[in-house]
mmCIF file of all heavy atoms, coordinates in Angstrom:
data_MODEL
# 
_entry.id   MODEL 
# 
loop_
_atom_site.group_PDB 
_atom_site.id 
_atom_site.type_symbol 
_atom_site.label_atom_id 
_atom_site.label_alt_id 
_atom_site.label_comp_id 
_atom_site.label_asym_id 
_atom_site.label_entity_id 
_atom_site.label_seq_id 
_atom_site.pdbx_PDB_ins_code 
_atom_site.Cartn_x 
_atom_site.Cartn_y 
_atom_site.Cartn_z 
_atom_site.occupancy 
_atom_site.B_iso_or_equiv 
_atom_site.pdbx_formal_charge 
_atom_site.auth_seq_id 
_atom_site.auth_comp_id 
_atom_site.auth_asym_id 
_atom_site.auth_atom_id 
_atom_site.pdbx_PDB_model_num 
ATOM 1   N N   . VAL A 1 1  ? 0.634  -11.779 -5.378  1.00 0.00 ? 1  VAL A N   1 
ATOM 2   C CA  . VAL A 1 1  ? -0.794 -11.553 -5.127  1.00 0.00 ? 1  VAL A CA  1 
ATOM 3   C C   . VAL A 1 1  ? -1.439 -10.753 -6.259  1.00 0.00 ? 1  VAL A C   1 
ATOM 4   O O   . VAL A 1 1  ? -2.539 -11.064 -6.675  1.00 0.00 ? 1  VAL A O   1 
ATOM 5   C CB  . VAL A 1 1  ? -0.965 -10.815 -3.770  1.00 0.00 ? 1  VAL A CB  1 
ATOM 6   C CG1 . VAL A 1 1  ? -2.427 -10.384 -3.586  1.00 0.00 ? 1  VAL A CG1 1 
ATOM 7   C CG2 . VAL A 1 1  ? -0.530 -11.754 -2.611  1.00 0.00 ? 1  VAL A CG2 1 
ATOM 8   N N   . PHE A 1 2  ? -0.748 -9.753  -6.727  1.00 0.00 ? 2  PHE A N   1 
ATOM 9   C CA  . PHE A 1 2  ? -1.229 -8.946  -7.854  1.00 0.00 ? 2  PHE A CA  1 
ATOM 10  C C   . PHE A 1 2  ? -1.541 -9.803  -9.056  1.00 0.00 ? 2  PHE A C   1 
ATOM 11  O O   . PHE A 1 2  ? -2.489 -9.505  -9.815  1.00 0.00 ? 2  PHE A O   1 
ATOM 12  C CB  . PHE A 1 2  ? -0.185 -7.877  -8.220  1.00 0.00 ? 2  PHE A CB  1 
ATOM 13  C CG  . PHE A 1 2  ? -0.562 -7.017  -9.389  1.00 0.00 ? 2  PHE A CG  1 
ATOM 14  C CD1 . PHE A 1 2  ? -1.450 -5.965  -9.246  1.00 0.00 ? 2  PHE A CD1 1 
ATOM 15  C CD2 . PHE A 1 2  ? 0.016  -7.256  -10.630 1.00 0.00 ? 2  PHE A CD2 1 
ATOM 16  C CE1 . PHE A 1 2  ? -1.807 -5.151  -10.340 1.00 0.00 ? 2  PHE A CE1 1 
ATOM 17  C CE2 . PHE A 1 2  ? -0.341 -6.436  -11.753 1.00 0.00 ? 2  PHE A CE2 1 
ATOM 18  C CZ  . PHE A 1 2  ? -1.239 -5.410  -11.594 1.00 0.00 ? 2  PHE A CZ  1 
ATOM 19  N N   . HIS A 1 3  ? -0.745 -10.870 -9.252  1.00 0.00 ? 3  HIS A N   1 
ATOM 20  C CA  . HIS A 1 3  ? -0.945 -11.757 -10.400 1.00 0.00 ? 3  HIS A CA  1 
ATOM 21  C C   . HIS A 1 3  ? -1.896 -12.916 -10.087 1.00 0.00 ? 3  HIS A C   1 
ATOM 22  O O   . HIS A 1 3  ? -1.933 -13.896 -10.828 1.00 0.00 ? 3  HIS A O   1 
ATOM 23  C CB  . HIS A 1 3  ? 0.425  -12.291 -10.862 1.00 0.00 ? 3  HIS A CB  1 
ATOM 24  C CG  . HIS A 1 3  ? 1.221  -11.298 -11.662 1.00 0.00 ? 3  HIS A CG  1 
ATOM 25  N ND1 . HIS A 1 3  ? 1.129  -11.214 -13.023 1.00 0.00 ? 3  HIS A ND1 1 
ATOM 26  C CD2 . HIS A 1 3  ? 2.055  -10.319 -11.257 1.00 0.00 ? 3  HIS A CD2 1 
ATOM 27  C CE1 . HIS A 1 3  ? 1.915  -10.233 -13.460 1.00 0.00 ? 3  HIS A CE1 1 
ATOM 28  N NE2 . HIS A 1 3  ? 2.494  -9.680  -12.415 1.00 0.00 ? 3  HIS A NE2 1 
ATOM 29  N N   . GLY A 1 4  ? -2.619 -12.811 -8.985  1.00 0.00 ? 4  GLY A N   1 
ATOM 30  C CA  . GLY A 1 4  ? -3.640 -13.811 -8.663  1.00 0.00 ? 4  GLY A CA  1 
ATOM 31  C C   . GLY A 1 4  ? -3.178 -14.945 -7.771  1.00 0.00 ? 4  GLY A C   1 
ATOM 32  O O   . GLY A 1 4  ? -3.930 -15.883 -7.572  1.00 0.00 ? 4  GLY A O   1 
ATOM 33  N N   . GLY A 1 5  ? -1.978 -14.853 -7.184  1.00 0.00 ? 5  GLY A N   1 
ATOM 34  C CA  . GLY A 1 5  ? -1.498 -15.882 -6.314  1.00 0.00 ? 5  GLY A CA  1 
ATOM 35  C C   . GLY A 1 5  ? -1.908 -15.640 -4.863  1.00 0.00 ? 5  GLY A C   1 
ATOM 36  O O   . GLY A 1 5  ? -2.620 -14.676 -4.554  1.00 0.00 ? 5  GLY A O   1 
ATOM 37  N N   . SER A 1 6  ? -1.454 -16.520 -3.979  1.00 0.00 ? 6  SER A N   1 
ATOM 38  C CA  . SER A 1 6  ? -1.793 -16.388 -2.554  1.00 0.00 ? 6  SER A CA  1 
ATOM 39  C C   . SER A 1 6  ? -0.544 -16.534 -1.714  1.00 0.00 ? 6  SER A C   1 
ATOM 40  O O   . SER A 1 6  ? 0.533  -16.859 -2.206  1.00 0.00 ? 6  SER A O   1 
ATOM 41  C CB  . SER A 1 6  ? -2.815 -17.446 -2.155  1.00 0.00 ? 6  SER A CB  1 
ATOM 42  O OG  . SER A 1 6  ? -2.244 -18.746 -2.195  1.00 0.00 ? 6  SER A OG  1 
ATOM 43  N N   . LEU A 1 7  ? -0.651 -16.273 -0.417  1.00 0.00 ? 7  LEU A N   1 
ATOM 44  C CA  . LEU A 1 7  ? 0.451  -16.361 0.526   1.00 0.00 ? 7  LEU A CA  1 
ATOM 45  C C   . LEU A 1 7  ? 0.111  -17.320 1.670   1.00 0.00 ? 7  LEU A C   1 
ATOM 46  O O   . LEU A 1 7  ? -1.037 -17.498 2.023   1.00 0.00 ? 7  LEU A O   1 
ATOM 47  C CB  . LEU A 1 7  ? 0.761  -14.985 1.124   1.00 0.00 ? 7  LEU A CB  1 
ATOM 48  C CG  . LEU A 1 7  ? 1.013  -13.849 0.155   1.00 0.00 ? 7  LEU A CG  1 
ATOM 49  C CD1 . LEU A 1 7  ? 1.276  -12.582 0.943   1.00 0.00 ? 7  LEU A CD1 1 
ATOM 50  C CD2 . LEU A 1 7  ? 2.237  -14.173 -0.742  1.00 0.00 ? 7  LEU A CD2 1 
ATOM 51  N N   . CYS A 1 8  ? 1.141  -17.930 2.209   1.00 0.00 ? 8  CYS A N   1 
ATOM 52  C CA  . CYS A 1 8  ? 1.047  -18.638 3.466   1.00 0.00 ? 8  CYS A CA  1 
ATOM 53  C C   . CYS A 1 8  ? 1.250  -17.587 4.549   1.00 0.00 ? 8  CYS A C   1 
ATOM 54  O O   . CYS A 1 8  ? 2.271  -16.916 4.573   1.00 0.00 ? 8  CYS A O   1 
ATOM 55  C CB  . CYS A 1 8  ? 2.119  -19.719 3.566   1.00 0.00 ? 8  CYS A CB  1 
ATOM 56  S SG  . CYS A 1 8  ? 2.138  -20.605 5.191   1.00 0.00 ? 8  CYS A SG  1 
ATOM 57  N N   . GLN A 1 9  ? 0.256  -17.404 5.439   1.00 0.00 ? 9  GLN A N   1 
ATOM 58  C CA  . GLN A 1 9  ? 0.289  -16.305 6.392   1.00 0.00 ? 9  GLN A CA  1 
ATOM 59  C C   . GLN A 1 9  ? 1.326  -16.449 7.490   1.00 0.00 ? 9  GLN A C   1 
ATOM 60  O O   . GLN A 1 9  ? 1.741  -15.424 8.082   1.00 0.00 ? 9  GLN A O   1 
ATOM 61  C CB  . GLN A 1 9  ? -1.080 -16.056 6.977   1.00 0.00 ? 9  GLN A CB  1 
ATOM 62  C CG  . GLN A 1 9  ? -2.116 -15.641 5.936   1.00 0.00 ? 9  GLN A CG  1 
ATOM 63  C CD  . GLN A 1 9  ? -3.403 -15.241 6.532   1.00 0.00 ? 9  GLN A CD  1 
ATOM 64  O OE1 . GLN A 1 9  ? -3.482 -14.578 7.576   1.00 0.00 ? 9  GLN A OE1 1 
ATOM 65  N NE2 . GLN A 1 9  ? -4.510 -15.612 5.866   1.00 0.00 ? 9  GLN A NE2 1 
ATOM 66  N N   . ASN A 1 10 ? 1.748  -17.642 7.776   1.00 0.00 ? 10 ASN A N   1 
ATOM 67  C CA  . ASN A 1 10 ? 2.779  -17.865 8.804   1.00 0.00 ? 10 ASN A CA  1 
ATOM 68  C C   . ASN A 1 10 ? 3.559  -19.131 8.536   1.00 0.00 ? 10 ASN A C   1 
ATOM 69  O O   . ASN A 1 10 ? 3.080  -20.225 8.806   1.00 0.00 ? 10 ASN A O   1 
ATOM 70  C CB  . ASN A 1 10 ? 2.159  -17.897 10.191  1.00 0.00 ? 10 ASN A CB  1 
ATOM 71  C CG  . ASN A 1 10 ? 3.215  -17.955 11.296  1.00 0.00 ? 10 ASN A CG  1 
ATOM 72  O OD1 . ASN A 1 10 ? 4.390  -17.729 11.059  1.00 0.00 ? 10 ASN A OD1 1 
ATOM 73  N ND2 . ASN A 1 10 ? 2.784  -18.297 12.503  1.00 0.00 ? 10 ASN A ND2 1 
ATOM 74  N N   . VAL A 1 11 ? 4.774  -18.987 8.006   1.00 0.00 ? 11 VAL A N   1 
ATOM 75  C CA  . VAL A 1 11 ? 5.560  -20.141 7.648   1.00 0.00 ? 11 VAL A CA  1 
ATOM 76  C C   . VAL A 1 11 ? 6.465  -20.623 8.794   1.00 0.00 ? 11 VAL A C   1 
ATOM 77  O O   . VAL A 1 11 ? 7.057  -21.692 8.753   1.00 0.00 ? 11 VAL A O   1 
ATOM 78  C CB  . VAL A 1 11 ? 6.444  -19.889 6.404   1.00 0.00 ? 11 VAL A CB  1 
ATOM 79  C CG1 . VAL A 1 11 ? 5.576  -19.545 5.196   1.00 0.00 ? 11 VAL A CG1 1 
ATOM 80  C CG2 . VAL A 1 11 ? 7.471  -18.778 6.666   1.00 0.00 ? 11 VAL A CG2 1 
ATOM 81  N N   . THR A 1 12 ? 6.575  -19.788 9.847   1.00 0.00 ? 12 THR A N   1 
ATOM 82  C CA  . THR A 1 12 ? 7.548  -20.083 10.913  1.00 0.00 ? 12 THR A CA  1 
ATOM 83  C C   . THR A 1 12 ? 7.316  -21.467 11.521  1.00 0.00 ? 12 THR A C   1 
ATOM 84  O O   . THR A 1 12 ? 8.315  -22.217 11.690  1.00 0.00 ? 12 THR A O   1 
ATOM 85  C CB  . THR A 1 12 ? 7.490  -19.012 11.997  1.00 0.00 ? 12 THR A CB  1 
ATOM 86  O OG1 . THR A 1 12 ? 7.714  -17.740 11.416  1.00 0.00 ? 12 THR A OG1 1 
ATOM 87  C CG2 . THR A 1 12 ? 8.528  -19.243 13.081  1.00 0.00 ? 12 THR A CG2 1 
ATOM 88  N N   . PRO A 1 13 ? 6.103  -21.911 11.861  1.00 0.00 ? 13 PRO A N   1 
ATOM 89  C CA  . PRO A 1 13 ? 5.935  -23.255 12.433  1.00 0.00 ? 13 PRO A CA  1 
ATOM 90  C C   . PRO A 1 13 ? 6.239  -24.378 11.453  1.00 0.00 ? 13 PRO A C   1 
ATOM 91  O O   . PRO A 1 13 ? 6.450  -25.520 11.864  1.00 0.00 ? 13 PRO A O   1 
ATOM 92  C CB  . PRO A 1 13 ? 4.451  -23.295 12.863  1.00 0.00 ? 13 PRO A CB  1 
ATOM 93  C CG  . PRO A 1 13 ? 4.032  -21.863 12.851  1.00 0.00 ? 13 PRO A CG  1 
ATOM 94  C CD  . PRO A 1 13 ? 4.821  -21.177 11.825  1.00 0.00 ? 13 PRO A CD  1 
ATOM 95  N N   . LEU A 1 14 ? 6.256  -24.046 10.148  1.00 0.00 ? 14 LEU A N   1 
ATOM 96  C CA  . LEU A 1 14 ? 6.468  -25.062 9.135   1.00 0.00 ? 14 LEU A CA  1 
ATOM 97  C C   . LEU A 1 14 ? 7.933  -25.242 8.784   1.00 0.00 ? 14 LEU A C   1 
ATOM 98  O O   . LEU A 1 14 ? 8.271  -26.182 8.021   1.00 0.00 ? 14 LEU A O   1 
ATOM 99  C CB  . LEU A 1 14 ? 5.686  -24.686 7.864   1.00 0.00 ? 14 LEU A CB  1 
ATOM 100 C CG  . LEU A 1 14 ? 4.207  -24.403 8.057   1.00 0.00 ? 14 LEU A CG  1 
ATOM 101 C CD1 . LEU A 1 14 ? 3.557  -23.927 6.739   1.00 0.00 ? 14 LEU A CD1 1 
ATOM 102 C CD2 . LEU A 1 14 ? 3.476  -25.612 8.576   1.00 0.00 ? 14 LEU A CD2 1 
ATOM 103 N N   . ARG A 1 15 ? 8.789  -24.431 9.267   1.00 0.00 ? 15 ARG A N   1 
ATOM 104 C CA  . ARG A 1 15 ? 10.194 -24.487 8.922   1.00 0.00 ? 15 ARG A CA  1 
ATOM 105 C C   . ARG A 1 15 ? 10.915 -25.560 9.716   1.00 0.00 ? 15 ARG A C   1 
ATOM 106 O O   . ARG A 1 15 ? 10.672 -25.705 10.912  1.00 0.00 ? 15 ARG A O   1 
ATOM 107 C CB  . ARG A 1 15 ? 10.872 -23.135 9.117   1.00 0.00 ? 15 ARG A CB  1 
ATOM 108 C CG  . ARG A 1 15 ? 10.402 -22.098 8.159   1.00 0.00 ? 15 ARG A CG  1 
ATOM 109 C CD  . ARG A 1 15 ? 11.340 -20.879 8.141   1.00 0.00 ? 15 ARG A CD  1 
ATOM 110 N NE  . ARG A 1 15 ? 10.973 -19.952 7.067   1.00 0.00 ? 15 ARG A NE  1 
ATOM 111 C CZ  . ARG A 1 15 ? 11.366 -20.050 5.805   1.00 0.00 ? 15 ARG A CZ  1 
ATOM 112 N NH1 . ARG A 1 15 ? 12.134 -21.097 5.461   1.00 0.00 ? 15 ARG A NH1 1 
ATOM 113 N NH2 . ARG A 1 15 ? 11.007 -19.186 4.906   1.00 0.00 ? 15 ARG A NH2 1 
ATOM 114 N N   . VAL A 1 16 ? 11.793 -26.286 9.041   1.00 0.00 ? 16 VAL A N   1 
ATOM 115 C CA  . VAL A 1 16 ? 12.582 -27.351 9.648   1.00 0.00 ? 16 VAL A CA  1 
ATOM 116 C C   . VAL A 1 16 ? 14.075 -27.082 9.494   1.00 0.00 ? 16 VAL A C   1 
ATOM 117 O O   . VAL A 1 16 ? 14.851 -27.164 10.436  1.00 0.00 ? 16 VAL A O   1 
ATOM 118 C CB  . VAL A 1 16 ? 12.256 -28.730 9.055   1.00 0.00 ? 16 VAL A CB  1 
ATOM 119 C CG1 . VAL A 1 16 ? 13.133 -29.826 9.674   1.00 0.00 ? 16 VAL A CG1 1 
ATOM 120 C CG2 . VAL A 1 16 ? 10.767 -29.080 9.248   1.00 0.00 ? 16 VAL A CG2 1 
ATOM 121 N N   . HIS A 1 17 ? 14.464 -26.681 8.285   1.00 0.00 ? 17 HIS A N   1 
ATOM 122 C CA  . HIS A 1 17 ? 15.897 -26.540 7.969   1.00 0.00 ? 17 HIS A CA  1 
ATOM 123 C C   . HIS A 1 17 ? 16.360 -25.095 7.883   1.00 0.00 ? 17 HIS A C   1 
ATOM 124 O O   . HIS A 1 17 ? 17.541 -24.840 7.583   1.00 0.00 ? 17 HIS A O   1 
ATOM 125 C CB  . HIS A 1 17 ? 16.195 -27.247 6.640   1.00 0.00 ? 17 HIS A CB  1 
ATOM 126 C CG  . HIS A 1 17 ? 15.806 -28.675 6.613   1.00 0.00 ? 17 HIS A CG  1 
ATOM 127 N ND1 . HIS A 1 17 ? 16.438 -29.650 7.368   1.00 0.00 ? 17 HIS A ND1 1 
ATOM 128 C CD2 . HIS A 1 17 ? 14.807 -29.339 5.962   1.00 0.00 ? 17 HIS A CD2 1 
ATOM 129 C CE1 . HIS A 1 17 ? 15.886 -30.849 7.169   1.00 0.00 ? 17 HIS A CE1 1 
ATOM 130 N NE2 . HIS A 1 17 ? 14.906 -30.661 6.315   1.00 0.00 ? 17 HIS A NE2 1 
ATOM 131 N N   . THR A 1 18 ? 15.458 -24.140 8.096   1.00 0.00 ? 18 THR A N   1 
ATOM 132 C CA  . THR A 1 18 ? 15.838 -22.758 8.004   1.00 0.00 ? 18 THR A CA  1 
ATOM 133 C C   . THR A 1 18 ? 15.302 -21.984 9.215   1.00 0.00 ? 18 THR A C   1 
ATOM 134 O O   . THR A 1 18 ? 14.325 -22.409 9.849   1.00 0.00 ? 18 THR A O   1 
ATOM 135 C CB  . THR A 1 18 ? 15.298 -22.098 6.721   1.00 0.00 ? 18 THR A CB  1 
ATOM 136 O OG1 . THR A 1 18 ? 13.882 -22.204 6.720   1.00 0.00 ? 18 THR A OG1 1 
ATOM 137 C CG2 . THR A 1 18 ? 15.860 -22.745 5.466   1.00 0.00 ? 18 THR A CG2 1 
ATOM 138 N N   . ARG A 1 19 ? 15.931 -20.882 9.503   1.00 0.00 ? 19 ARG A N   1 
ATOM 139 C CA  . ARG A 1 19 ? 15.422 -20.002 10.599  1.00 0.00 ? 19 ARG A CA  1 
ATOM 140 C C   . ARG A 1 19 ? 15.868 -18.585 10.276  1.00 0.00 ? 19 ARG A C   1 
ATOM 141 O O   . ARG A 1 19 ? 16.582 -18.319 9.320   1.00 0.00 ? 19 ARG A O   1 
ATOM 142 C CB  . ARG A 1 19 ? 16.050 -20.464 11.932  1.00 0.00 ? 19 ARG A CB  1 
ATOM 143 C CG  . ARG A 1 19 ? 17.562 -20.525 11.983  1.00 0.00 ? 19 ARG A CG  1 
ATOM 144 C CD  . ARG A 1 19 ? 18.003 -21.209 13.284  1.00 0.00 ? 19 ARG A CD  1 
ATOM 145 N NE  . ARG A 1 19 ? 19.458 -21.380 13.315  1.00 0.00 ? 19 ARG A NE  1 
ATOM 146 C CZ  . ARG A 1 19 ? 20.293 -20.469 13.821  1.00 0.00 ? 19 ARG A CZ  1 
ATOM 147 N NH1 . ARG A 1 19 ? 19.833 -19.334 14.290  1.00 0.00 ? 19 ARG A NH1 1 
ATOM 148 N NH2 . ARG A 1 19 ? 21.600 -20.677 13.819  1.00 0.00 ? 19 ARG A NH2 1 
ATOM 149 N N   . HIS A 1 20 ? 15.375 -17.616 11.131  1.00 0.00 ? 20 HIS A N   1 
ATOM 150 C CA  . HIS A 1 20 ? 15.740 -16.223 10.905  1.00 0.00 ? 20 HIS A CA  1 
ATOM 151 C C   . HIS A 1 20 ? 17.238 -16.066 11.021  1.00 0.00 ? 20 HIS A C   1 
ATOM 152 O O   . HIS A 1 20 ? 17.889 -16.642 11.837  1.00 0.00 ? 20 HIS A O   1 
ATOM 153 C CB  . HIS A 1 20 ? 15.043 -15.329 11.951  1.00 0.00 ? 20 HIS A CB  1 
ATOM 154 C CG  . HIS A 1 20 ? 13.635 -15.035 11.621  1.00 0.00 ? 20 HIS A CG  1 
ATOM 155 N ND1 . HIS A 1 20 ? 12.653 -16.000 11.463  1.00 0.00 ? 20 HIS A ND1 1 
ATOM 156 C CD2 . HIS A 1 20 ? 13.025 -13.833 11.362  1.00 0.00 ? 20 HIS A CD2 1 
ATOM 157 C CE1 . HIS A 1 20 ? 11.510 -15.408 11.159  1.00 0.00 ? 20 HIS A CE1 1 
ATOM 158 N NE2 . HIS A 1 20 ? 11.702 -14.131 11.100  1.00 0.00 ? 20 HIS A NE2 1 
ATOM 159 N N   . ARG A 1 21 ? 17.778 -15.235 10.124  1.00 0.00 ? 21 ARG A N   1 
ATOM 160 C CA  . ARG A 1 21 ? 19.199 -14.979 10.108  1.00 0.00 ? 21 ARG A CA  1 
ATOM 161 C C   . ARG A 1 21 ? 19.419 -13.437 10.186  1.00 0.00 ? 21 ARG A C   1 
ATOM 162 O O   . ARG A 1 21 ? 18.565 -12.698 9.796   1.00 0.00 ? 21 ARG A O   1 
ATOM 163 C CB  . ARG A 1 21 ? 19.814 -15.479 8.794   1.00 0.00 ? 21 ARG A CB  1 
ATOM 164 C CG  . ARG A 1 21 ? 19.689 -16.989 8.638   1.00 0.00 ? 21 ARG A CG  1 
ATOM 165 C CD  . ARG A 1 21 ? 20.540 -17.766 9.599   1.00 0.00 ? 21 ARG A CD  1 
ATOM 166 N NE  . ARG A 1 21 ? 20.578 -19.200 9.267   1.00 0.00 ? 21 ARG A NE  1 
ATOM 167 C CZ  . ARG A 1 21 ? 21.284 -20.100 9.933   1.00 0.00 ? 21 ARG A CZ  1 
ATOM 168 N NH1 . ARG A 1 21 ? 21.994 -19.743 10.984  1.00 0.00 ? 21 ARG A NH1 1 
ATOM 169 N NH2 . ARG A 1 21 ? 21.272 -21.378 9.571   1.00 0.00 ? 21 ARG A NH2 1 
ATOM 170 N N   . PRO A 1 22 ? 20.538 -13.024 10.693  1.00 0.00 ? 22 PRO A N   1 
ATOM 171 C CA  . PRO A 1 22 ? 20.812 -11.575 10.747  1.00 0.00 ? 22 PRO A CA  1 
ATOM 172 C C   . PRO A 1 22 ? 20.776 -10.941 9.383   1.00 0.00 ? 22 PRO A C   1 
ATOM 173 O O   . PRO A 1 22 ? 21.230 -11.532 8.389   1.00 0.00 ? 22 PRO A O   1 
ATOM 174 C CB  . PRO A 1 22 ? 22.255 -11.488 11.350  1.00 0.00 ? 22 PRO A CB  1 
ATOM 175 C CG  . PRO A 1 22 ? 22.409 -12.775 12.055  1.00 0.00 ? 22 PRO A CG  1 
ATOM 176 C CD  . PRO A 1 22 ? 21.635 -13.798 11.290  1.00 0.00 ? 22 PRO A CD  1 
ATOM 177 N N   . LEU A 1 23 ? 20.253 -9.687  9.286   1.00 0.00 ? 23 LEU A N   1 
ATOM 178 C CA  . LEU A 1 23 ? 20.089 -9.049  7.994   1.00 0.00 ? 23 LEU A CA  1 
ATOM 179 C C   . LEU A 1 23 ? 21.426 -8.796  7.283   1.00 0.00 ? 23 LEU A C   1 
ATOM 180 O O   . LEU A 1 23 ? 21.478 -8.832  6.065   1.00 0.00 ? 23 LEU A O   1 
ATOM 181 C CB  . LEU A 1 23 ? 19.395 -7.709  8.215   1.00 0.00 ? 23 LEU A CB  1 
ATOM 182 C CG  . LEU A 1 23 ? 17.876 -7.755  8.251   1.00 0.00 ? 23 LEU A CG  1 
ATOM 183 C CD1 . LEU A 1 23 ? 17.310 -6.404  8.644   1.00 0.00 ? 23 LEU A CD1 1 
ATOM 184 C CD2 . LEU A 1 23 ? 17.311 -8.203  6.902   1.00 0.00 ? 23 LEU A CD2 1 
ATOM 185 N N   . LEU A 1 24 ? 22.488 -8.595  8.054   1.00 0.00 ? 24 LEU A N   1 
ATOM 186 C CA  . LEU A 1 24 ? 23.747 -8.237  7.465   1.00 0.00 ? 24 LEU A CA  1 
ATOM 187 C C   . LEU A 1 24 ? 24.605 -9.425  7.079   1.00 0.00 ? 24 LEU A C   1 
ATOM 188 O O   . LEU A 1 24 ? 25.695 -9.225  6.519   1.00 0.00 ? 24 LEU A O   1 
ATOM 189 C CB  . LEU A 1 24 ? 24.555 -7.330  8.443   1.00 0.00 ? 24 LEU A CB  1 
ATOM 190 C CG  . LEU A 1 24 ? 23.905 -5.972  8.722   1.00 0.00 ? 24 LEU A CG  1 
ATOM 191 C CD1 . LEU A 1 24 ? 24.709 -5.212  9.767   1.00 0.00 ? 24 LEU A CD1 1 
ATOM 192 C CD2 . LEU A 1 24 ? 23.832 -5.146  7.429   1.00 0.00 ? 24 LEU A CD2 1 
ATOM 193 N N   . LEU A 1 25 ? 24.121 -10.645 7.319   1.00 0.00 ? 25 LEU A N   1 
ATOM 194 C CA  . LEU A 1 25 ? 24.915 -11.805 6.988   1.00 0.00 ? 25 LEU A CA  1 
ATOM 195 C C   . LEU A 1 25 ? 24.153 -12.750 6.095   1.00 0.00 ? 25 LEU A C   1 
ATOM 196 O O   . LEU A 1 25 ? 23.013 -13.137 6.384   1.00 0.00 ? 25 LEU A O   1 
ATOM 197 C CB  . LEU A 1 25 ? 25.297 -12.548 8.280   1.00 0.00 ? 25 LEU A CB  1 
ATOM 198 C CG  . LEU A 1 25 ? 26.187 -11.793 9.306   1.00 0.00 ? 25 LEU A CG  1 
ATOM 199 C CD1 . LEU A 1 25 ? 26.408 -12.595 10.533  1.00 0.00 ? 25 LEU A CD1 1 
ATOM 200 C CD2 . LEU A 1 25 ? 27.517 -11.451 8.638   1.00 0.00 ? 25 LEU A CD2 1 
ATOM 201 N N   . PRO A 1 26 ? 24.744 -13.186 4.970   1.00 0.00 ? 26 PRO A N   1 
ATOM 202 C CA  . PRO A 1 26 ? 24.061 -14.050 4.016   1.00 0.00 ? 26 PRO A CA  1 
ATOM 203 C C   . PRO A 1 26 ? 24.210 -15.546 4.427   1.00 0.00 ? 26 PRO A C   1 
ATOM 204 O O   . PRO A 1 26 ? 24.898 -16.326 3.791   1.00 0.00 ? 26 PRO A O   1 
ATOM 205 C CB  . PRO A 1 26 ? 24.770 -13.784 2.688   1.00 0.00 ? 26 PRO A CB  1 
ATOM 206 C CG  . PRO A 1 26 ? 26.160 -13.410 3.118   1.00 0.00 ? 26 PRO A CG  1 
ATOM 207 C CD  . PRO A 1 26 ? 26.019 -12.692 4.441   1.00 0.00 ? 26 PRO A CD  1 
# 
């Protein structure tokens, strides 16, 4: 954002192949 870019405010509904994962596991 500092460099003039933008963000998608909510990607969760757009995800198909990924989901939240535990912080301690890669």
